[in-house]
C-alpha atoms as a PDB file:
ATOM      1  CA  MET A   1      97.492  46.186 140.889  1.00  0.00           C
ATOM      2  CA  ALA A   2      96.294  47.094 137.492  1.00  0.00           C
ATOM      3  CA  SER A   3      93.543  49.646 138.476  1.00  0.00           C
ATOM      4  CA  PHE A   4      94.956  52.267 136.107  1.00  0.00           C
ATOM      5  CA  LEU A   5      95.304  50.003 133.001  1.00  0.00           C
ATOM      6  CA  PRO A   6      91.960  50.830 131.711  1.00  0.00           C
ATOM      7  CA  THR A   7      92.689  54.541 131.719  1.00  0.00           C
ATOM      8  CA  LEU A   8      95.953  54.106 129.814  1.00  0.00           C
ATOM      9  CA  THR A   9      94.378  51.764 127.287  1.00  0.00           C
ATOM     10  CA  ALA A  10      91.371  54.162 126.718  1.00  0.00           C
ATOM     11  CA  GLU A  11      93.785  57.105 126.466  1.00  0.00           C
ATOM     12  CA  PHE A  12      96.116  55.091 123.804  1.00  0.00           C
ATOM     13  CA  HIS A  13      92.867  54.137 121.823  1.00  0.00           C
ATOM     14  CA  ARG A  14      91.916  57.705 121.602  1.00  0.00           C
ATOM     15  CA  LEU A  15      95.390  58.809 120.526  1.00  0.00           C
ATOM     16  CA  SER A  16      95.638  55.938 117.988  1.00  0.00           C
ATOM     17  CA  HIS A  17      92.551  57.151 116.121  1.00  0.00           C
ATOM     18  CA  SER A  18      93.239  60.828 116.305  1.00  0.00           C
ATOM     19  CA  THR A  19      94.180  62.969 113.267  1.00  0.00           C
ATOM     20  CA  ASP A  20      97.479  63.826 114.871  1.00  0.00           C
ATOM     21  CA  GLY A  21      98.390  60.140 115.683  1.00  0.00           C
ATOM     22  CA  ARG A  22      97.846  59.013 112.121  1.00  0.00           C
ATOM     23  CA  ARG A  23      99.658  62.136 110.715  1.00  0.00           C
ATOM     24  CA  ARG A  24     102.719  61.471 112.872  1.00  0.00           C
ATOM     25  CA  LEU A  25     102.703  57.687 111.913  1.00  0.00           C
ATOM     26  CA  ARG A  26     102.912  58.661 108.231  1.00  0.00           C
ATOM     27  CA  ARG A  27     105.736  60.960 108.955  1.00  0.00           C
ATOM     28  CA  TRP A  28     107.633  58.396 111.069  1.00  0.00           C
ATOM     29  CA  ALA A  29     107.230  55.741 108.208  1.00  0.00           C
ATOM     30  CA  VAL A  30     109.234  57.927 105.886  1.00  0.00           C
ATOM     31  CA  ALA A  31     112.218  57.616 108.042  1.00  0.00           C
ATOM     32  CA  PHE A  32     111.621  54.039 109.356  1.00  0.00           C
ATOM     33  CA  PRO A  33     110.196  51.608 106.678  1.00  0.00           C
ATOM     34  CA  ALA A  34     109.252  49.151 109.425  1.00  0.00           C
ATOM     35  CA  LEU A  35     106.296  51.507 110.310  1.00  0.00           C
ATOM     36  CA  ALA A  36     105.152  51.927 106.628  1.00  0.00           C
ATOM     37  CA  GLY A  37     101.815  50.769 105.564  1.00  0.00           C
ATOM     38  CA  ILE A  38     100.236  50.919 109.012  1.00  0.00           C
ATOM     39  CA  ARG A  39      96.964  52.670 109.355  1.00  0.00           C
ATOM     40  CA  ASP A  40      97.079  53.913 113.049  1.00  0.00           C
ATOM     41  CA  LEU A  41      98.995  53.507 116.320  1.00  0.00           C
ATOM     42  CA  GLU A  42      97.274  50.379 117.331  1.00  0.00           C
ATOM     43  CA  GLY A  43      98.215  48.979 113.941  1.00  0.00           C
ATOM     44  CA  VAL A  44     101.836  49.402 115.095  1.00  0.00           C
ATOM     45  CA  LEU A  45     101.212  47.230 118.120  1.00  0.00           C
ATOM     46  CA  ALA A  46      99.385  44.617 115.857  1.00  0.00           C
ATOM     47  CA  ARG A  47     102.264  44.414 113.481  1.00  0.00           C
ATOM     48  CA  ARG A  48     104.759  43.936 116.469  1.00  0.00           C
ATOM     49  CA  SER A  49     102.656  41.305 118.051  1.00  0.00           C
ATOM     50  CA  GLN A  50     101.524  39.348 114.725  1.00  0.00           C
ATOM     51  CA  ASP A  51     104.944  39.453 112.967  1.00  0.00           C
ATOM     52  CA  PRO A  52     107.689  38.379 115.141  1.00  0.00           C
ATOM     53  CA  THR A  53     110.322  39.088 112.400  1.00  0.00           C
ATOM     54  CA  ALA A  54     109.047  42.664 112.291  1.00  0.00           C
ATOM     55  CA  ALA A  55     108.849  43.269 115.957  1.00  0.00           C
ATOM     56  CA  PRO A  56     112.549  44.330 116.675  1.00  0.00           C
ATOM     57  CA  ALA A  57     112.427  46.820 113.736  1.00  0.00           C
ATOM     58  CA  VAL A  58     109.189  48.297 114.879  1.00  0.00           C
ATOM     59  CA  LEU A  59     110.287  48.782 118.499  1.00  0.00           C
ATOM     60  CA  SER A  60     113.654  50.066 117.492  1.00  0.00           C
ATOM     61  CA  ALA A  61     111.939  52.705 115.409  1.00  0.00           C
ATOM     62  CA  LEU A  62     109.810  53.680 118.254  1.00  0.00           C
ATOM     63  CA  ALA A  63     112.716  53.881 120.557  1.00  0.00           C
ATOM     64  CA  ALA A  64     114.689  56.041 118.264  1.00  0.00           C
ATOM     65  CA  LEU A  65     111.726  58.546 118.066  1.00  0.00           C
ATOM     66  CA  ALA A  66     110.824  58.303 121.696  1.00  0.00           C
ATOM     67  CA  PRO A  67     113.307  60.848 123.142  1.00  0.00           C
ATOM     68  CA  THR A  68     111.868  63.630 120.993  1.00  0.00           C
ATOM     69  CA  ASP A  69     108.469  62.451 120.364  1.00  0.00           C
ATOM     70  CA  GLU A  70     106.095  61.992 123.094  1.00  0.00           C
ATOM     71  CA  LEU A  71     103.456  60.080 121.052  1.00  0.00           C
ATOM     72  CA  ALA A  72     106.159  57.506 119.935  1.00  0.00           C
ATOM     73  CA  ALA A  73     107.127  57.174 123.344  1.00  0.00           C
ATOM     74  CA  ARG A  74     103.544  56.526 124.518  1.00  0.00           C
ATOM     75  CA  THR A  75     103.139  53.889 121.773  1.00  0.00           C
ATOM     76  CA  LEU A  76     106.299  52.129 122.818  1.00  0.00           C
ATOM     77  CA  LEU A  77     105.101  52.220 126.421  1.00  0.00           C
ATOM     78  CA  HIS A  78     101.841  50.570 125.464  1.00  0.00           C
ATOM     79  CA  ALA A  79     103.754  47.905 123.614  1.00  0.00           C
ATOM     80  CA  LEU A  80     105.773  47.084 126.730  1.00  0.00           C
ATOM     81  CA  LEU A  81     102.790  46.994 129.070  1.00  0.00           C
ATOM     82  CA  PRO A  82     102.289  43.173 128.934  1.00  0.00           C
ATOM     83  CA  GLY A  83     105.934  42.721 129.963  1.00  0.00           C
ATOM     84  CA  LEU A  84     105.573  45.339 132.640  1.00  0.00           C
ATOM     85  CA  VAL A  85     102.591  43.508 133.967  1.00  0.00           C
ATOM     86  CA  HIS A  86     104.470  40.150 134.131  1.00  0.00           C
ATOM     87  CA  LEU A  87     107.556  41.952 135.735  1.00  0.00           C
ATOM     88  CA  ALA A  88     105.126  43.505 138.527  1.00  0.00           C
ATOM     89  CA  ARG A  89     103.689  40.033 139.156  1.00  0.00           C
ATOM     90  CA  THR A  90     107.095  38.569 139.638  1.00  0.00           C
ATOM     91  CA  ALA A  91     109.699  40.980 140.854  1.00  0.00           C
ATOM     92  CA  GLY A  92     107.088  43.101 142.553  1.00  0.00           C
ATOM     93  CA  HIS A  93     104.731  40.406 143.747  1.00  0.00           C
ATOM     94  CA  ASP A  94     104.691  41.538 147.413  1.00  0.00           C
ATOM     95  CA  ASP A  95     104.179  45.272 146.479  1.00  0.00           C
ATOM     96  CA  PRO A  96     100.663  46.459 145.480  1.00  0.00           C
ATOM     97  CA  GLN A  97     102.104  49.560 143.870  1.00  0.00           C
ATOM     98  CA  ALA A  98     104.828  47.730 141.834  1.00  0.00           C
ATOM     99  CA  LEU A  99     103.076  48.165 138.390  1.00  0.00           C
ATOM    100  CA  GLU A 100     102.487  52.034 138.857  1.00  0.00           C
ATOM    101  CA  ASP A 101     106.154  52.312 139.848  1.00  0.00           C
ATOM    102  CA  MET A 102     107.462  50.219 136.877  1.00  0.00           C
ATOM    103  CA  VAL A 103     105.365  52.030 134.422  1.00  0.00           C
ATOM    104  CA  SER A 104     106.798  55.322 135.579  1.00  0.00           C
ATOM    105  CA  LEU A 105     110.404  53.838 135.492  1.00  0.00           C
ATOM    106  CA  ALA A 106     109.682  52.415 131.884  1.00  0.00           C
ATOM    107  CA  TRP A 107     108.515  55.931 130.899  1.00  0.00           C
ATOM    108  CA  GLU A 108     111.662  57.683 132.066  1.00  0.00           C
ATOM    109  CA  ARG A 109     113.886  55.005 130.472  1.00  0.00           C
ATOM    110  CA  ILE A 110     111.943  55.199 127.135  1.00  0.00           C
ATOM    111  CA  ARG A 111     112.241  58.992 126.988  1.00  0.00           C
ATOM    112  CA  THR A 112     116.075  58.650 127.466  1.00  0.00           C
ATOM    113  CA  TYR A 113     116.725  55.584 125.427  1.00  0.00           C
ATOM    114  CA  PRO A 114     120.222  55.687 123.862  1.00  0.00           C
ATOM    115  CA  SER A 115     120.186  55.565 120.135  1.00  0.00           C
ATOM    116  CA  ASP A 116     123.348  53.398 119.879  1.00  0.00           C
ATOM    117  CA  ARG A 117     122.389  50.747 122.402  1.00  0.00           C
ATOM    118  CA  PRO A 118     122.792  47.241 121.200  1.00  0.00           C
ATOM    119  CA  GLY A 119     120.194  44.597 121.797  1.00  0.00           C
ATOM    120  CA  ARG A 120     116.345  44.316 121.676  1.00  0.00           C
ATOM    121  CA  VAL A 121     114.539  47.352 122.973  1.00  0.00           C
ATOM    122  CA  ALA A 122     111.920  45.503 124.950  1.00  0.00           C
ATOM    123  CA  ALA A 123     114.442  43.259 126.771  1.00  0.00           C
ATOM    124  CA  ASN A 124     116.660  46.362 127.466  1.00  0.00           C
ATOM    125  CA  VAL A 125     113.926  48.404 128.812  1.00  0.00           C
ATOM    126  CA  LEU A 126     112.500  45.757 131.088  1.00  0.00           C
ATOM    127  CA  TRP A 127     115.899  44.847 132.342  1.00  0.00           C
ATOM    128  CA  ASP A 128     116.539  48.510 133.263  1.00  0.00           C
ATOM    129  CA  VAL A 129     113.130  48.783 134.903  1.00  0.00           C
ATOM    130  CA  ARG A 130     113.671  45.696 137.009  1.00  0.00           C
ATOM    131  CA  LYS A 131     117.142  46.815 138.093  1.00  0.00           C
ATOM    132  CA  ARG A 132     116.112  50.297 139.075  1.00  0.00           C
ATOM    133  CA  TYR A 133     113.059  48.988 140.840  1.00  0.00           C
ATOM    134  CA  ARG A 134     114.952  46.596 142.858  1.00  0.00           C
ATOM    135  CA  ARG A 135     117.637  49.207 143.577  1.00  0.00           C
ATOM    136  CA  HIS A 136     115.098  51.816 144.837  1.00  0.00           C
ATOM    137  CA  ARG A 137     112.989  49.379 147.008  1.00  0.00           C
ATOM    138  CA  ARG A 138     114.181  49.591 150.641  1.00  0.00           C
ATOM    139  CA  ILE A 139     113.847  45.888 151.016  1.00  0.00           C
ATOM    140  CA  ASP A 140     116.533  45.413 148.562  1.00  0.00           C
ATOM    141  CA  ALA A 141     118.691  48.564 149.619  1.00  0.00           C
ATOM    142  CA  PRO A 142     118.310  48.513 153.284  1.00  0.00           C
ATOM    143  CA  LEU A 143     121.114  51.190 153.676  1.00  0.00           C
ATOM    144  CA  SER A 144     119.497  53.605 151.285  1.00  0.00           C
ATOM    145  CA  LEU A 145     118.433  56.954 152.898  1.00  0.00           C
ATOM    146  CA  PRO A 146     115.622  59.294 152.132  1.00  0.00           C
ATOM    147  CA  LEU A 147     116.427  62.638 150.668  1.00  0.00           C
ATOM    148  CA  PRO A 148     116.755  65.332 153.293  1.00  0.00           C
ATOM    149  CA  PRO A 149     113.854  67.837 153.199  1.00  0.00           C
ATOM    150  CA  SER A 150     116.079  70.597 151.820  1.00  0.00           C
ATOM    151  CA  ALA A 151     116.624  68.339 148.584  1.00  0.00           C
ATOM    152  CA  GLU A 152     113.045  67.589 148.363  1.00  0.00           C
ATOM    153  CA  ALA A 153     111.945  71.173 148.370  1.00  0.00           C
ATOM    154  CA  SER A 154     114.947  72.594 146.363  1.00  0.00           C
ATOM    155  CA  VAL A 155     113.341  72.452 142.816  1.00  0.00           C
ATOM    156  CA  ARG A 156     109.674  72.945 141.897  1.00  0.00           C
ATOM    157  CA  SER A 157     108.596  70.800 139.102  1.00  0.00           C
ATOM    158  CA  ALA A 158     106.029  71.585 136.443  1.00  0.00           C
ATOM    159  CA  GLU A 159     103.507  69.470 138.542  1.00  0.00           C
ATOM    160  CA  ASP A 160     104.137  71.608 141.553  1.00  0.00           C
ATOM    161  CA  GLU A 161     103.389  74.727 139.531  1.00  0.00           C
ATOM    162  CA  ALA A 162     100.297  73.151 138.002  1.00  0.00           C
ATOM    163  CA  LEU A 163      98.913  71.833 141.214  1.00  0.00           C
ATOM    164  CA  ASP A 164      99.033  75.410 142.712  1.00  0.00           C
ATOM    165  CA  LEU A 165      96.031  76.085 140.572  1.00  0.00           C
ATOM    166  CA  VAL A 166      94.144  73.029 141.562  1.00  0.00           C
ATOM    167  CA  SER A 167      91.719  72.679 144.473  1.00  0.00           C
ATOM    168  CA  LEU A 168      91.274  69.646 146.678  1.00  0.00           C
ATOM    169  CA  LYS A 169      87.558  69.507 145.448  1.00  0.00           C
ATOM    170  CA  GLU A 170      89.017  69.069 141.847  1.00  0.00           C
ATOM    171  CA  VAL A 171      91.417  66.316 142.907  1.00  0.00           C
ATOM    172  CA  VAL A 172      88.540  64.454 144.729  1.00  0.00           C
ATOM    173  CA  ALA A 173      86.445  64.692 141.501  1.00  0.00           C
ATOM    174  CA  VAL A 174      89.047  63.282 139.230  1.00  0.00           C
ATOM    175  CA  TYR A 175      89.747  60.420 141.860  1.00  0.00           C
ATOM    176  CA  ARG A 176      86.135  59.506 141.895  1.00  0.00           C
ATOM    177  CA  ARG A 177      86.180  59.059 138.228  1.00  0.00           C
ATOM    178  CA  GLY A 178      88.909  56.296 138.659  1.00  0.00           C
ATOM    179  CA  VAL A 179      91.657  58.189 137.107  1.00  0.00           C
ATOM    180  CA  ILE A 180      94.027  57.727 139.761  1.00  0.00           C
ATOM    181  CA  SER A 181      94.060  54.846 142.476  1.00  0.00           C
ATOM    182  CA  GLU A 182      93.295  55.313 146.079  1.00  0.00           C
ATOM    183  CA  ALA A 183      96.795  54.991 146.953  1.00  0.00           C
ATOM    184  CA  ALA A 184      98.002  57.686 144.599  1.00  0.00           C
ATOM    185  CA  TYR A 185      95.027  60.019 145.684  1.00  0.00           C
ATOM    186  CA  ARG A 186      95.951  59.814 149.333  1.00  0.00           C
ATOM    187  CA  LEU A 187      99.636  60.496 148.433  1.00  0.00           C
ATOM    188  CA  ILE A 188      98.682  63.564 146.561  1.00  0.00           C
ATOM    189  CA  VAL A 189      96.345  64.946 149.141  1.00  0.00           C
ATOM    190  CA  ARG A 190      98.824  64.256 152.021  1.00  0.00           C
ATOM    191  CA  THR A 191     101.961  65.815 150.269  1.00  0.00           C
ATOM    192  CA  ARG A 192     100.275  68.622 148.226  1.00  0.00           C
ATOM    193  CA  PHE A 193      97.532  69.675 150.547  1.00  0.00           C
ATOM    194  CA  SER A 194      98.311  68.528 154.135  1.00  0.00           C
ATOM    195  CA  GLY A 195     102.000  69.324 153.998  1.00  0.00           C
ATOM    196  CA  VAL A 196     103.339  65.954 154.916  1.00  0.00           C
ATOM    197  CA  PRO A 197     106.964  65.465 153.574  1.00  0.00           C
ATOM    198  CA  ILE A 198     107.136  62.774 151.139  1.00  0.00           C
ATOM    199  CA  GLY A 199     110.148  61.362 152.861  1.00  0.00           C
ATOM    200  CA  GLU A 200     108.067  60.750 155.977  1.00  0.00           C
ATOM    201  CA  ILE A 201     105.385  58.858 153.907  1.00  0.00           C
ATOM    202  CA  ALA A 202     108.167  56.932 152.362  1.00  0.00           C
ATOM    203  CA  ARG A 203     109.463  55.706 155.726  1.00  0.00           C
ATOM    204  CA  GLU A 204     105.804  54.743 156.705  1.00  0.00           C
ATOM    205  CA  GLN A 205     105.462  52.657 153.630  1.00  0.00           C
ATOM    206  CA  ASN A 206     109.080  51.197 153.639  1.00  0.00           C
ATOM    207  CA  VAL A 207     109.905  52.545 150.206  1.00  0.00           C
ATOM    208  CA  SER A 208     112.512  54.876 149.016  1.00  0.00           C
ATOM    209  CA  THR A 209     111.662  58.625 148.476  1.00  0.00           C
ATOM    210  CA  HIS A 210     112.615  58.346 144.770  1.00  0.00           C
ATOM    211  CA  VAL A 211     110.070  55.494 144.203  1.00  0.00           C
ATOM    212  CA  LEU A 212     107.343  57.414 145.957  1.00  0.00           C
ATOM    213  CA  ALA A 213     108.176  60.615 143.994  1.00  0.00           C
ATOM    214  CA  GLN A 214     108.003  58.691 140.917  1.00  0.00           C
ATOM    215  CA  ARG A 215     104.744  57.133 141.912  1.00  0.00           C
ATOM    216  CA  ARG A 216     103.229  60.622 142.732  1.00  0.00           C
ATOM    217  CA  TYR A 217     104.723  62.055 139.356  1.00  0.00           C
ATOM    218  CA  LEU A 218     102.837  59.547 137.218  1.00  0.00           C
ATOM    219  CA  ALA A 219      99.654  59.994 139.090  1.00  0.00           C
ATOM    220  CA  GLU A 220      99.902  63.822 138.887  1.00  0.00           C
ATOM    221  CA  ARG A 221     100.398  63.453 135.163  1.00  0.00           C
ATOM    222  CA  ARG A 222      97.168  61.452 134.807  1.00  0.00           C
ATOM    223  CA  LEU A 223      95.382  63.866 137.244  1.00  0.00           C
ATOM    224  CA  LEU A 224      96.410  67.088 135.410  1.00  0.00           C
ATOM    225  CA  SER A 225      95.545  65.529 131.965  1.00  0.00           C
ATOM    226  CA  GLU A 226      92.062  65.367 133.097  1.00  0.00           C
ATOM    227  CA  MET A 227      91.908  68.851 134.520  1.00  0.00           C
ATOM    228  CA  PRO A 228      92.102  71.806 131.999  1.00  0.00           C
ATOM    229  CA  LEU A 229      93.726  74.682 133.723  1.00  0.00           C
ATOM    230  CA  ALA A 230      93.120  78.216 133.043  1.00  0.00           C
ATOM    231  CA  GLY A 231      95.910  80.542 131.796  1.00  0.00           C
END
């Protein structure tokens, strides 16, 4: 279930100690005193975990920044990973892809988090993820219908455009480095290179098209981040 967690952790460690990461943290601290005096992004997580009284303000600051600052969103996502792992083991105990789906849903929620929403950030995000995960699992919504082929192909995403420049050989190479799971690799190959409609695979796996598309989106982001494209 957690095959991609080491990749996320290594990426966050690199971001935490980068010059840009430290520079942005200093800029955030000017507007949000809860982040003042912290050396790097991993220090943000340490303050949150080591000082329970500071945790709500730290996460609220990251949530306020997240819609317009991808690095703040990435930091908040990493702070919530333990909660997402627990949620996947409980609400998604019978789904081997639950954690990947939940991380994808959490990322979407974090990037659109309402600035005026009351309550604790961690509890709100995890509640939303659980609710959306259950809603889109076919087992919990047996009457849900897959998107028609026309809806699936109507809009080309940035991943669609970028993958036009990627060969199957390159995808295989990235997969063999452990960047994406075997299930994600097979999904990308079948839908992007073999032309199998994502709705058909969703029916095979007894999940909604939306959940499968979210799963592919997250995997393709990781894949493309490892693949410098020309142009």
